[in-house]
Amino acid sequence: MMLLSFHIVAIGVLAGVIGNIAYQMGKKEGIRLAVHEFESQQSSSEESPPVT
């Protein structure tokens, strides 16, 4: 019974670690995409003058 409990805890810890790694990678990817979109908007607004 103790071995079963140990396996349940180990699987939970493993799932938590993998989930945390995936979350951090996704967060970094999201930040990278946001910066890329911001830079592309800045460069497109600099290239074309505003219409008045």
C-alpha atoms as a PDB file:
ATOM      1  CA  MET A   1       0.000   0.000   0.000  1.00  0.00           C
ATOM      2  CA  MET A   2       2.856   2.366   0.777  1.00  0.00           C
ATOM      3  CA  LEU A   3       4.415   1.614  -2.597  1.00  0.00           C
ATOM      4  CA  LEU A   4       1.150   2.541  -4.322  1.00  0.00           C
ATOM      5  CA  SER A   5       1.033   5.829  -2.404  1.00  0.00           C
ATOM      6  CA  PHE A   6       4.631   6.551  -3.363  1.00  0.00           C
ATOM      7  CA  HIS A   7       3.845   5.975  -7.044  1.00  0.00           C
ATOM      8  CA  ILE A   8       0.792   8.230  -6.901  1.00  0.00           C
ATOM      9  CA  VAL A   9       2.836  11.023  -5.324  1.00  0.00           C
ATOM     10  CA  ALA A  10       5.710  10.515  -7.796  1.00  0.00           C
ATOM     11  CA  ILE A  11       3.342  10.679 -10.779  1.00  0.00           C
ATOM     12  CA  GLY A  12       1.766  13.850  -9.366  1.00  0.00           C
ATOM     13  CA  VAL A  13       5.158  15.486  -8.904  1.00  0.00           C
ATOM     14  CA  LEU A  14       6.235  14.485 -12.410  1.00  0.00           C
ATOM     15  CA  ALA A  15       3.033  15.876 -13.918  1.00  0.00           C
ATOM     16  CA  GLY A  16       3.509  19.115 -11.973  1.00  0.00           C
ATOM     17  CA  VAL A  17       7.106  19.556 -13.118  1.00  0.00           C
ATOM     18  CA  ILE A  18       6.245  18.843 -16.751  1.00  0.00           C
ATOM     19  CA  GLY A  19       3.262  21.189 -16.563  1.00  0.00           C
ATOM     20  CA  ASN A  20       5.404  23.948 -15.089  1.00  0.00           C
ATOM     21  CA  ILE A  21       8.043  23.552 -17.802  1.00  0.00           C
ATOM     22  CA  ALA A  22       5.388  23.630 -20.522  1.00  0.00           C
ATOM     23  CA  TYR A  23       3.784  26.718 -18.974  1.00  0.00           C
ATOM     24  CA  GLN A  24       7.100  28.559 -18.796  1.00  0.00           C
ATOM     25  CA  MET A  25       7.922  27.691 -22.410  1.00  0.00           C
ATOM     26  CA  GLY A  26       4.501  28.865 -23.532  1.00  0.00           C
ATOM     27  CA  LYS A  27       4.829  32.071 -21.558  1.00  0.00           C
ATOM     28  CA  LYS A  28       8.198  32.830 -23.143  1.00  0.00           C
ATOM     29  CA  GLU A  29       6.775  32.082 -26.604  1.00  0.00           C
ATOM     30  CA  GLY A  30       3.848  34.412 -25.925  1.00  0.00           C
ATOM     31  CA  ILE A  31       6.148  37.217 -24.809  1.00  0.00           C
ATOM     32  CA  ARG A  32       8.303  36.697 -27.896  1.00  0.00           C
ATOM     33  CA  LEU A  33       5.272  36.879 -30.184  1.00  0.00           C
ATOM     34  CA  ALA A  34       3.962  39.989 -28.437  1.00  0.00           C
ATOM     35  CA  VAL A  35       7.317  41.760 -28.828  1.00  0.00           C
ATOM     36  CA  HIS A  36       7.482  40.729 -32.489  1.00  0.00           C
ATOM     37  CA  GLU A  37       3.981  42.079 -33.175  1.00  0.00           C
ATOM     38  CA  PHE A  38       4.768  45.322 -31.335  1.00  0.00           C
ATOM     39  CA  GLU A  39       7.955  45.817 -33.345  1.00  0.00           C
ATOM     40  CA  SER A  40       6.171  45.103 -36.622  1.00  0.00           C
ATOM     41  CA  GLN A  41       3.471  47.643 -35.738  1.00  0.00           C
ATOM     42  CA  GLN A  42       6.116  50.217 -34.874  1.00  0.00           C
ATOM     43  CA  SER A  43       8.012  49.669 -38.113  1.00  0.00           C
ATOM     44  CA  SER A  44       4.841  49.798 -40.225  1.00  0.00           C
ATOM     45  CA  SER A  45       3.747  53.057 -38.567  1.00  0.00           C
ATOM     46  CA  GLU A  46       7.179  54.590 -39.199  1.00  0.00           C
ATOM     47  CA  GLU A  47       7.173  53.605 -42.879  1.00  0.00           C
ATOM     48  CA  SER A  48       3.840  55.144 -43.801  1.00  0.00           C
ATOM     49  CA  PRO A  49       3.086  58.738 -42.793  1.00  0.00           C
ATOM     50  CA  PRO A  50      -0.299  59.401 -41.221  1.00  0.00           C
ATOM     51  CA  VAL A  51      -3.059  60.422 -43.592  1.00  0.00           C
ATOM     52  CA  THR A  52      -4.485  63.875 -42.804  1.00  0.00           C
END
